[in-house]
Amino acid sequence: MTAGDLVAALPFILLAGGACLVLLGDLLVHADGRAWVALGAAAALATAVTAAVIGTGDDAFAGSLRRDGASVFFAIVVGGSTAAALLLATGYVTRTSLPAAEVTALTLFSASGAVLMSSAGDLLVVFVGLELLSLPLYALTGLPRAARHADESALKYFLLGAAASAVFAYGIALVYAATGSVAIGALAAVASPVGLAGIALLLAGLAFKAALVPFHFWAPDAYVSAPTPATAFMAVVAKLGAFAALLRFGSAVTAPSAAGLDWRASVAVLAAMTLVLGNLAALGQSSLKRLLAYSSIAHAGYIAIAAAAGVVASSAIAFYLAVYAALTLGAFGVITLLANDDPRVDDLHGLARRRPLLVVLLGVLLLGLTGLPPTAGFLAKVYVFEAAIGAQLAWLVLLGVLTSVVSAAYYLRVLFACLAEGEGEPAAAPTVAGGVVMLAALAVIVVGIVPGPLLDAVQTVRF
């Protein structure tokens, strides 16, 4: 192990080390739960800053860890998103009497898995990262014992996740049998039926974690049952890790190889199914968390549109994921400010009269999720659609535009519910979570008007 190896692994070490520090501190010191959440958020922010400072460099551990523009960008976004999710939990853990240290440690461990997946150059490292990402999420889903069906949802998530992990591991075995290597770059040399079957299994395993249809069944129940800050984290960081690995696989497979056309066609079909089901299923939801769960599934479909275009769409996907992270964290952050952890849309009646600023912020976030100007959500969709058109996927872009129109119906329904008269769920006083929501909404507007800095940053992202 060299100094360069340690530097490349530093984002992962900071997150995993921060989780261990929180657990150890909770055993030795009796402190307010908010202190552990703040410590976890500081560790996540330190990860983002460290990744930005160390930048790119030589690969580490004989190529098992990449230190390129993509790994740096994803480490920054994962660190920032994890910090935001933990800040959403500061008042929440006190109000709901959740074990703050356990929530914080599980969140940091899961984030370290996402960072590992995004920088992996080896299939076995991806598998380790996938498990490290997933196992804490199973525990977080079943954490709120008072929630209805929390244990059932956690068990369902665990069993389906275990099956997906087994599928992924079997895919690694088949690729190794076909190529004699577990390096991601070896996917470009796959030509035999055994190797192609292995690639298909790898795609299925990652599609599960990204909640692409038809591997999405776990998502709505898990999102509703988990504590809302954990749901926000799950909706963002799990997708970051899954899509980072999927794009690294796609970069290798779509290099001149026998599997390139099949890979792009498969991802395009997954994207189309996800767009249709995610948006249509969200139309009939009365639970706000379940509606946002299907919204998250639908957005995975928009990201997959660009993924089907291949490596040329790397910058578009990075831009979309960064914007999606801000929009989703902000939207779930609004729920953490409501008294009911699983509010119905009708429970928002009268919110505009009681908390007008909160409704304005929510309106900005919902417009961004819809993809309307002047929010960054509009630019993100245009960027993705442009990449897909360049890859001759106009039919998929047309489907994306049509489903975006459908999504306006359920997002605007939420906004109209806030404007309606009535006495719905009371909203909490301004807290740290309220500050996170405000920052997310401001970021969406600022990037929508002045997108240059983020556009420049994503140009370095190549898989």
Protein backbone atom coordinates (compact mmCIF):
# COMPACT_ATOMS: atom_id res chain seq x y z
CA MET A 1 0.00 0.00 0.00
CA THR A 2 1.38 3.38 -1.02
CA ALA A 3 0.59 6.96 -0.07
CA GLY A 4 -1.21 7.33 -3.40
CA ASP A 5 -3.46 4.39 -2.50
CA LEU A 6 -4.43 6.03 0.79
CA VAL A 7 -5.12 9.37 -0.88
CA ALA A 8 -7.42 7.73 -3.42
CA ALA A 9 -9.30 5.92 -0.64
CA LEU A 10 -9.53 9.01 1.60
CA PRO A 11 -13.21 9.87 0.83
CA PHE A 12 -14.20 6.30 1.71
CA ILE A 13 -12.02 6.33 4.84
CA LEU A 14 -13.52 9.60 6.09
CA LEU A 15 -17.09 8.34 5.78
CA ALA A 16 -16.46 4.88 7.25
CA GLY A 17 -14.18 6.34 9.93
CA GLY A 18 -16.79 8.95 10.80
CA ALA A 19 -19.38 6.20 11.29
CA CYS A 20 -17.04 4.28 13.60
CA LEU A 21 -16.26 7.47 15.53
CA VAL A 22 -19.95 8.20 16.07
CA LEU A 23 -20.63 4.66 17.35
CA LEU A 24 -17.60 4.71 19.65
CA GLY A 25 -18.45 8.18 20.94
CA ASP A 26 -22.01 7.15 21.70
CA LEU A 27 -20.70 4.30 23.85
CA LEU A 28 -18.35 6.53 25.84
CA VAL A 29 -20.16 9.87 26.00
CA HIS A 30 -23.77 10.62 26.89
CA ALA A 31 -24.52 13.50 24.54
CA ASP A 32 -27.59 14.98 22.92
CA GLY A 33 -28.57 13.03 19.82
CA ARG A 34 -28.24 16.14 17.69
CA ALA A 35 -24.53 16.25 18.48
CA TRP A 36 -23.96 12.88 16.77
CA VAL A 37 -26.00 13.97 13.77
CA ALA A 38 -23.94 17.16 13.53
CA LEU A 39 -20.71 15.15 13.80
CA GLY A 40 -21.86 12.86 10.99
CA ALA A 41 -22.79 15.84 8.81
CA ALA A 42 -19.34 17.34 9.46
CA ALA A 43 -17.68 14.06 8.39
CA ALA A 44 -19.75 14.00 5.19
CA LEU A 45 -18.90 17.63 4.39
CA ALA A 46 -15.24 16.90 5.08
CA THR A 47 -15.47 14.08 2.56
CA ALA A 48 -16.84 16.39 -0.13
CA VAL A 49 -14.18 19.04 0.55
CA THR A 50 -11.38 16.46 0.64
CA ALA A 51 -12.46 14.93 -2.66
CA ALA A 52 -12.45 18.39 -4.26
CA VAL A 53 -9.01 19.21 -2.85
CA ILE A 54 -7.18 15.97 -3.75
CA GLY A 55 -8.68 15.96 -7.25
CA THR A 56 -7.74 13.45 -9.90
CA GLY A 57 -4.61 11.33 -10.04
CA ASP A 58 -3.26 7.86 -10.68
CA ASP A 59 -5.46 4.85 -10.02
CA ALA A 60 -4.88 3.06 -6.72
CA PHE A 61 -4.57 -0.54 -5.56
CA ALA A 62 -3.43 -1.78 -8.97
CA GLY A 63 -6.42 -0.20 -10.71
CA SER A 64 -9.06 -1.41 -8.26
CA LEU A 65 -9.84 2.19 -7.27
CA ARG A 66 -10.17 4.90 -9.91
CA ARG A 67 -9.20 8.50 -9.23
CA ASP A 68 -10.66 10.23 -12.25
CA GLY A 69 -13.06 13.09 -12.77
CA ALA A 70 -16.09 10.85 -12.29
CA SER A 71 -14.94 9.44 -8.94
CA VAL A 72 -14.11 12.94 -7.65
CA PHE A 73 -17.44 14.40 -8.77
CA PHE A 74 -19.48 11.57 -7.28
CA ALA A 75 -17.57 11.73 -3.99
CA ILE A 76 -18.39 15.44 -3.76
CA VAL A 77 -22.09 14.93 -4.52
CA VAL A 78 -22.40 11.90 -2.20
CA GLY A 79 -20.66 13.78 0.62
CA GLY A 80 -22.82 16.88 0.17
CA SER A 81 -26.04 14.87 -0.14
CA THR A 82 -25.22 12.82 2.96
CA ALA A 83 -24.53 15.97 4.95
CA ALA A 84 -27.84 17.47 3.82
CA ALA A 85 -29.77 14.30 4.71
CA LEU A 86 -28.21 14.25 8.18
CA LEU A 87 -29.00 17.93 8.71
CA LEU A 88 -32.62 17.12 7.86
CA ALA A 89 -32.50 14.67 10.77
CA THR A 90 -31.32 17.12 13.45
CA GLY A 91 -34.75 18.04 14.76
CA TYR A 92 -36.40 14.88 13.45
CA VAL A 93 -34.48 12.44 15.69
CA THR A 94 -35.42 14.44 18.77
CA ARG A 95 -39.09 14.70 17.83
CA THR A 96 -39.44 11.00 16.99
CA SER A 97 -37.05 9.64 19.67
CA LEU A 98 -34.97 7.76 17.11
CA PRO A 99 -31.47 6.58 18.16
CA ALA A 100 -29.46 9.40 16.62
CA ALA A 101 -26.05 7.71 16.76
CA GLU A 102 -27.33 4.58 15.02
CA VAL A 103 -29.09 6.60 12.31
CA THR A 104 -25.96 8.68 11.72
CA ALA A 105 -23.58 5.72 11.63
CA LEU A 106 -25.78 3.69 9.30
CA THR A 107 -26.11 6.68 6.96
CA LEU A 108 -22.33 7.23 6.85
CA PHE A 109 -21.60 3.54 6.27
CA SER A 110 -24.09 3.47 3.39
CA ALA A 111 -22.58 6.63 1.89
CA SER A 112 -19.11 5.04 2.04
CA GLY A 113 -20.48 2.18 -0.05
CA ALA A 114 -21.76 4.63 -2.67
CA VAL A 115 -18.33 6.32 -2.84
CA LEU A 116 -16.67 2.91 -3.22
CA MET A 117 -19.01 1.97 -6.08
CA SER A 118 -18.42 5.25 -7.88
CA SER A 119 -14.63 4.84 -7.83
CA ALA A 120 -14.38 1.08 -8.38
CA GLY A 121 -12.30 -0.29 -11.20
CA ASP A 122 -12.93 -3.89 -10.24
CA LEU A 123 -16.15 -5.93 -10.15
CA LEU A 124 -15.39 -7.30 -6.69
CA VAL A 125 -14.90 -3.77 -5.33
CA VAL A 126 -18.27 -2.82 -6.84
CA PHE A 127 -19.85 -5.80 -5.07
CA VAL A 128 -18.32 -4.83 -1.72
CA GLY A 129 -19.54 -1.26 -2.22
CA LEU A 130 -23.00 -2.49 -3.20
CA GLU A 131 -23.31 -4.51 0.01
CA LEU A 132 -21.94 -1.68 2.14
CA LEU A 133 -24.46 0.66 0.52
CA SER A 134 -27.38 -1.73 0.92
CA LEU A 135 -27.11 -3.36 4.36
CA PRO A 136 -27.42 -0.10 6.36
CA LEU A 137 -30.44 0.88 4.25
CA TYR A 138 -32.24 -2.33 5.25
CA ALA A 139 -31.68 -1.44 8.91
CA LEU A 140 -32.76 2.19 8.41
CA THR A 141 -35.98 1.08 6.73
CA GLY A 142 -37.02 -0.98 9.76
CA LEU A 143 -35.78 1.47 12.36
CA PRO A 144 -39.00 3.34 13.26
CA ARG A 145 -40.80 0.61 15.19
CA ALA A 146 -43.90 2.79 15.54
CA ALA A 147 -44.36 3.09 11.79
CA ARG A 148 -46.96 0.85 10.20
CA HIS A 149 -45.51 -2.17 8.44
CA ALA A 150 -41.92 -0.93 8.98
CA ASP A 151 -40.63 -4.40 9.83
CA GLU A 152 -42.50 -5.92 6.90
CA SER A 153 -41.10 -3.32 4.49
CA ALA A 154 -37.58 -3.81 5.80
CA LEU A 155 -37.84 -7.58 5.44
CA LYS A 156 -39.22 -7.23 1.91
CA TYR A 157 -36.41 -4.85 1.01
CA PHE A 158 -33.82 -7.17 2.54
CA LEU A 159 -35.05 -10.31 0.77
CA LEU A 160 -35.32 -8.62 -2.62
CA GLY A 161 -31.96 -6.93 -2.07
CA ALA A 162 -30.32 -10.22 -1.13
CA ALA A 163 -31.70 -11.81 -4.30
CA ALA A 164 -30.37 -8.88 -6.37
CA SER A 165 -26.95 -9.20 -4.71
CA ALA A 166 -26.89 -12.92 -5.49
CA VAL A 167 -27.75 -12.16 -9.12
CA PHE A 168 -24.95 -9.59 -9.25
CA ALA A 169 -22.44 -12.01 -7.69
CA TYR A 170 -23.40 -14.72 -10.17
CA GLY A 171 -22.90 -12.21 -12.98
CA ILE A 172 -19.35 -11.56 -11.72
CA ALA A 173 -18.69 -15.31 -11.74
CA LEU A 174 -19.91 -15.66 -15.33
CA VAL A 175 -17.83 -12.70 -16.53
CA TYR A 176 -14.76 -14.14 -14.81
CA ALA A 177 -15.41 -17.53 -16.41
CA ALA A 178 -15.62 -15.87 -19.83
CA THR A 179 -12.67 -13.47 -19.55
CA GLY A 180 -10.46 -14.68 -16.69
CA SER A 181 -10.58 -11.20 -15.12
CA VAL A 182 -12.77 -9.25 -12.70
CA ALA A 183 -11.59 -5.84 -13.91
CA ILE A 184 -14.41 -3.65 -15.23
CA GLY A 185 -12.39 -3.11 -18.39
CA ALA A 186 -12.63 -6.84 -19.11
CA LEU A 187 -16.31 -6.36 -19.98
CA ALA A 188 -15.18 -4.95 -23.33
CA ALA A 189 -13.70 -8.35 -24.24
CA VAL A 190 -16.86 -10.34 -23.57
CA ALA A 191 -18.10 -12.17 -26.66
CA SER A 192 -19.27 -15.60 -25.51
CA PRO A 193 -22.86 -16.37 -24.45
CA VAL A 194 -21.64 -17.06 -20.91
CA GLY A 195 -20.05 -13.62 -20.66
CA LEU A 196 -23.08 -11.90 -22.17
CA ALA A 197 -25.32 -13.63 -19.63
CA GLY A 198 -23.00 -12.35 -16.91
CA ILE A 199 -23.31 -8.78 -18.17
CA ALA A 200 -27.11 -9.10 -18.19
CA LEU A 201 -27.04 -10.23 -14.55
CA LEU A 202 -24.76 -7.33 -13.60
CA LEU A 203 -27.21 -4.92 -15.24
CA ALA A 204 -30.13 -6.49 -13.35
CA GLY A 205 -28.33 -6.15 -10.00
CA LEU A 206 -27.59 -2.47 -10.51
CA ALA A 207 -31.06 -1.77 -11.95
CA PHE A 208 -32.52 -3.02 -8.67
CA LYS A 209 -30.51 -0.55 -6.63
CA ALA A 210 -31.33 2.28 -9.05
CA ALA A 211 -35.07 1.33 -8.81
CA LEU A 212 -35.48 0.88 -12.55
CA VAL A 213 -38.64 -0.96 -13.66
CA PRO A 214 -39.22 -3.90 -13.33
CA PHE A 215 -36.74 -4.01 -10.41
CA HIS A 216 -38.47 -1.23 -8.46
CA PHE A 217 -40.92 -3.16 -6.28
CA TRP A 218 -39.04 -2.49 -3.05
CA ALA A 219 -38.92 1.29 -3.41
CA PRO A 220 -42.43 2.60 -2.55
CA ASP A 221 -42.83 0.56 0.67
CA ALA A 222 -39.25 1.22 1.78
CA TYR A 223 -39.56 4.95 1.16
CA VAL A 224 -42.79 5.19 3.15
CA SER A 225 -41.59 3.08 6.10
CA ALA A 226 -38.13 4.59 6.57
CA PRO A 227 -37.65 7.77 8.63
CA THR A 228 -38.06 10.68 6.23
CA PRO A 229 -34.41 11.89 6.40
CA ALA A 230 -33.34 8.29 5.66
CA THR A 231 -35.82 8.20 2.77
CA ALA A 232 -34.27 11.36 1.33
CA PHE A 233 -30.83 9.81 1.67
CA MET A 234 -31.98 6.54 0.13
CA ALA A 235 -33.65 8.24 -2.82
CA VAL A 236 -30.48 10.17 -3.68
CA VAL A 237 -27.34 8.37 -2.58
CA ALA A 238 -28.44 4.84 -3.55
CA LYS A 239 -29.06 6.13 -7.08
CA LEU A 240 -25.71 7.92 -7.15
CA GLY A 241 -23.83 4.73 -6.33
CA ALA A 242 -25.89 2.53 -8.65
CA PHE A 243 -25.69 4.84 -11.67
CA ALA A 244 -21.99 5.50 -11.16
CA ALA A 245 -21.28 1.76 -11.34
CA LEU A 246 -23.75 1.26 -14.19
CA LEU A 247 -22.05 4.00 -16.21
CA ARG A 248 -18.60 2.51 -15.61
CA PHE A 249 -19.93 -0.82 -16.85
CA GLY A 250 -21.56 0.85 -19.83
CA SER A 251 -18.34 2.64 -20.72
CA ALA A 252 -16.53 -0.69 -20.96
CA VAL A 253 -19.33 -2.62 -22.64
CA THR A 254 -20.10 0.01 -25.27
CA ALA A 255 -16.46 0.19 -26.30
CA PRO A 256 -16.06 -1.74 -29.58
CA SER A 257 -17.45 -5.08 -28.41
CA ALA A 258 -20.13 -7.61 -29.19
CA ALA A 259 -22.26 -6.57 -26.24
CA GLY A 260 -22.37 -2.82 -26.93
CA LEU A 261 -25.60 -2.73 -28.96
CA ASP A 262 -27.39 -5.13 -26.61
CA TRP A 263 -26.38 -3.06 -23.57
CA ARG A 264 -27.68 0.20 -24.99
CA ALA A 265 -30.91 -1.43 -26.18
CA SER A 266 -31.48 -3.03 -22.77
CA VAL A 267 -30.93 0.24 -20.90
CA ALA A 268 -33.25 2.04 -23.34
CA VAL A 269 -36.03 -0.50 -22.71
CA LEU A 270 -35.54 -0.19 -18.93
CA ALA A 271 -35.70 3.60 -19.26
CA ALA A 272 -38.93 3.49 -21.28
CA MET A 273 -40.67 1.13 -18.84
CA THR A 274 -39.50 3.20 -15.87
CA LEU A 275 -40.75 6.47 -17.37
CA VAL A 276 -44.20 5.09 -18.10
CA LEU A 277 -44.81 3.16 -14.89
CA GLY A 278 -43.19 5.67 -12.54
CA ASN A 279 -45.19 8.64 -13.78
CA LEU A 280 -48.52 6.84 -14.26
CA ALA A 281 -48.32 5.18 -10.83
CA ALA A 282 -47.60 8.53 -9.16
CA LEU A 283 -50.86 9.96 -10.53
CA GLY A 284 -53.03 7.87 -8.23
CA GLN A 285 -51.08 8.28 -4.99
CA SER A 286 -52.63 9.98 -1.98
CA SER A 287 -49.60 9.54 0.30
CA LEU A 288 -47.04 12.30 -0.29
CA LYS A 289 -44.07 10.02 0.47
CA ARG A 290 -45.36 7.32 -1.86
CA LEU A 291 -45.96 9.92 -4.57
CA LEU A 292 -42.36 11.11 -4.21
CA ALA A 293 -41.22 7.49 -4.25
CA TYR A 294 -42.75 6.95 -7.68
CA SER A 295 -41.39 10.34 -8.69
CA SER A 296 -37.91 9.09 -7.75
CA ILE A 297 -38.48 5.97 -9.85
CA ALA A 298 -39.54 8.14 -12.80
CA HIS A 299 -36.40 10.28 -12.49
CA ALA A 300 -34.29 7.13 -12.63
CA GLY A 301 -35.88 6.63 -16.03
CA TYR A 302 -34.82 10.10 -17.21
CA ILE A 303 -31.25 9.37 -16.10
CA ALA A 304 -31.39 6.02 -17.89
CA ILE A 305 -32.31 7.83 -21.13
CA ALA A 306 -28.86 9.39 -21.12
CA ALA A 307 -27.26 6.15 -19.91
CA ALA A 308 -28.64 4.46 -23.05
CA ALA A 309 -26.81 7.06 -25.13
CA GLY A 310 -23.47 5.76 -23.86
CA VAL A 311 -20.33 7.39 -22.53
CA VAL A 312 -20.92 10.57 -24.57
CA ALA A 313 -23.70 11.44 -22.12
CA SER A 314 -21.50 11.27 -19.00
CA SER A 315 -21.60 15.03 -18.41
CA ALA A 316 -25.37 15.18 -18.91
CA ILE A 317 -25.92 12.40 -16.39
CA ALA A 318 -23.62 14.04 -13.84
CA PHE A 319 -25.49 17.35 -14.23
CA TYR A 320 -28.87 15.64 -13.88
CA LEU A 321 -27.81 13.68 -10.79
CA ALA A 322 -26.53 16.81 -9.03
CA VAL A 323 -29.76 18.69 -9.75
CA TYR A 324 -31.88 15.66 -8.83
CA ALA A 325 -30.06 15.41 -5.48
CA ALA A 326 -30.95 19.01 -4.57
CA LEU A 327 -34.58 18.68 -5.70
CA THR A 328 -35.23 15.38 -3.92
CA LEU A 329 -33.51 16.31 -0.67
CA GLY A 330 -35.47 19.56 -0.60
CA ALA A 331 -38.81 17.88 -1.33
CA PHE A 332 -38.38 15.26 1.39
CA GLY A 333 -37.05 17.99 3.67
CA VAL A 334 -40.46 19.65 3.52
CA ILE A 335 -42.02 16.45 4.91
CA THR A 336 -39.62 16.50 7.88
CA LEU A 337 -41.15 19.86 8.81
CA LEU A 338 -44.67 18.41 9.04
CA ALA A 339 -46.08 16.80 12.17
CA ASN A 340 -47.10 13.61 10.34
CA ASP A 341 -44.19 11.55 8.98
CA ASP A 342 -46.39 10.10 6.22
CA PRO A 343 -48.77 12.93 5.24
CA ARG A 344 -51.45 12.59 2.64
CA VAL A 345 -51.74 15.18 -0.09
CA ASP A 346 -55.00 16.42 1.46
CA ASP A 347 -53.15 17.05 4.73
CA LEU A 348 -51.42 19.99 3.03
CA HIS A 349 -54.63 22.01 2.83
CA GLY A 350 -54.17 25.48 4.29
CA LEU A 351 -50.36 25.22 4.41
CA ALA A 352 -49.97 28.32 2.21
CA ARG A 353 -51.84 30.39 4.76
CA ARG A 354 -49.91 29.04 7.75
CA ARG A 355 -46.42 28.81 6.20
CA PRO A 356 -46.31 30.82 2.94
CA LEU A 357 -42.50 30.75 2.61
CA LEU A 358 -42.43 26.98 2.96
CA VAL A 359 -45.01 26.61 0.19
CA VAL A 360 -43.02 28.95 -2.08
CA LEU A 361 -39.93 26.78 -1.53
CA LEU A 362 -41.94 23.62 -2.14
CA GLY A 363 -43.36 25.15 -5.32
CA VAL A 364 -39.86 25.85 -6.65
CA LEU A 365 -38.81 22.26 -5.92
CA LEU A 366 -41.92 20.78 -7.53
CA LEU A 367 -41.46 22.92 -10.65
CA GLY A 368 -37.87 21.70 -10.79
CA LEU A 369 -38.95 18.08 -10.51
CA THR A 370 -41.43 18.69 -13.31
CA GLY A 371 -38.66 20.17 -15.45
CA LEU A 372 -40.03 23.67 -15.94
CA PRO A 373 -37.97 26.87 -16.36
CA PRO A 374 -36.36 28.81 -14.77
CA THR A 375 -35.33 25.94 -12.52
CA ALA A 376 -32.26 23.75 -12.99
CA GLY A 377 -34.61 20.79 -13.52
CA PHE A 378 -35.48 22.20 -16.95
CA LEU A 379 -31.82 22.43 -17.99
CA ALA A 380 -31.12 18.94 -16.64
CA LYS A 381 -33.82 17.40 -18.80
CA VAL A 382 -32.78 19.40 -21.87
CA TYR A 383 -29.18 18.25 -21.37
CA VAL A 384 -30.25 14.60 -21.09
CA PHE A 385 -32.60 14.81 -24.07
CA GLU A 386 -29.92 16.48 -26.20
CA ALA A 387 -27.48 13.65 -25.47
CA ALA A 388 -30.12 11.05 -26.34
CA ILE A 389 -30.99 12.75 -29.64
CA GLY A 390 -27.31 12.76 -30.55
CA ALA A 391 -27.34 8.99 -29.98
CA GLN A 392 -30.37 8.54 -32.28
CA LEU A 393 -32.80 7.86 -29.44
CA ALA A 394 -35.44 10.37 -30.52
CA TRP A 395 -38.27 7.94 -29.68
CA LEU A 396 -37.04 7.78 -26.09
CA VAL A 397 -36.80 11.56 -25.91
CA LEU A 398 -40.39 11.87 -27.17
CA LEU A 399 -41.51 9.46 -24.45
CA GLY A 400 -39.57 11.49 -21.89
CA VAL A 401 -41.29 14.70 -22.96
CA LEU A 402 -44.75 13.12 -22.85
CA THR A 403 -44.18 11.63 -19.39
CA SER A 404 -42.87 15.00 -18.18
CA VAL A 405 -46.24 16.45 -19.12
CA VAL A 406 -47.92 13.68 -17.13
CA SER A 407 -45.69 14.41 -14.13
CA ALA A 408 -46.91 18.01 -14.07
CA ALA A 409 -50.35 16.70 -13.08
CA TYR A 410 -49.28 15.10 -9.81
CA TYR A 411 -46.67 17.71 -8.86
CA LEU A 412 -49.14 20.55 -9.40
CA ARG A 413 -51.78 18.59 -7.48
CA VAL A 414 -49.50 18.77 -4.43
CA LEU A 415 -49.00 22.50 -4.91
CA PHE A 416 -52.72 23.15 -5.36
CA ALA A 417 -53.41 21.18 -2.17
CA CYS A 418 -51.15 23.61 -0.28
CA LEU A 419 -53.12 26.55 -1.72
CA ALA A 420 -56.53 25.05 -0.90
CA GLU A 421 -58.47 26.19 2.15
CA GLY A 422 -58.61 23.92 5.15
CA GLU A 423 -56.83 22.81 8.29
CA GLY A 424 -54.21 20.24 7.44
CA GLU A 425 -51.03 19.07 9.12
CA PRO A 426 -49.31 21.68 11.31
CA ALA A 427 -45.79 22.63 10.24
CA ALA A 428 -42.87 22.86 12.63
CA ALA A 429 -41.09 26.10 13.41
CA PRO A 430 -38.08 26.98 11.24
CA THR A 431 -35.20 24.59 12.00
CA VAL A 432 -31.96 23.38 10.46
CA ALA A 433 -34.10 21.25 8.13
CA GLY A 434 -35.88 24.40 7.00
CA GLY A 435 -32.50 25.90 6.15
CA VAL A 436 -31.64 22.84 4.06
CA VAL A 437 -34.92 23.17 2.15
CA MET A 438 -34.24 26.85 1.52
CA LEU A 439 -30.70 26.18 0.29
CA ALA A 440 -31.95 23.43 -2.02
CA ALA A 441 -34.59 25.69 -3.56
CA LEU A 442 -32.12 28.55 -3.96
CA ALA A 443 -29.57 26.24 -5.57
CA VAL A 444 -32.18 25.03 -8.05
CA ILE A 445 -33.04 28.60 -9.05
CA VAL A 446 -29.44 29.86 -9.16
CA VAL A 447 -28.24 26.93 -11.28
CA GLY A 448 -31.26 27.35 -13.53
CA ILE A 449 -30.35 30.98 -14.19
CA VAL A 450 -26.54 30.70 -14.04
CA PRO A 451 -25.71 27.09 -14.99
CA GLY A 452 -22.14 27.82 -16.11
CA PRO A 453 -20.19 26.72 -12.99
CA LEU A 454 -21.96 23.36 -12.71
CA LEU A 455 -21.77 22.80 -16.47
CA ASP A 456 -18.02 23.43 -16.32
CA ALA A 457 -17.63 21.06 -13.37
CA VAL A 458 -19.37 18.14 -15.08
CA GLN A 459 -17.19 18.40 -18.19
CA THR A 460 -14.47 16.51 -16.30
CA VAL A 461 -16.78 13.55 -15.68
CA ARG A 462 -15.81 10.67 -17.93
CA PHE A 463 -16.36 6.98 -17.24
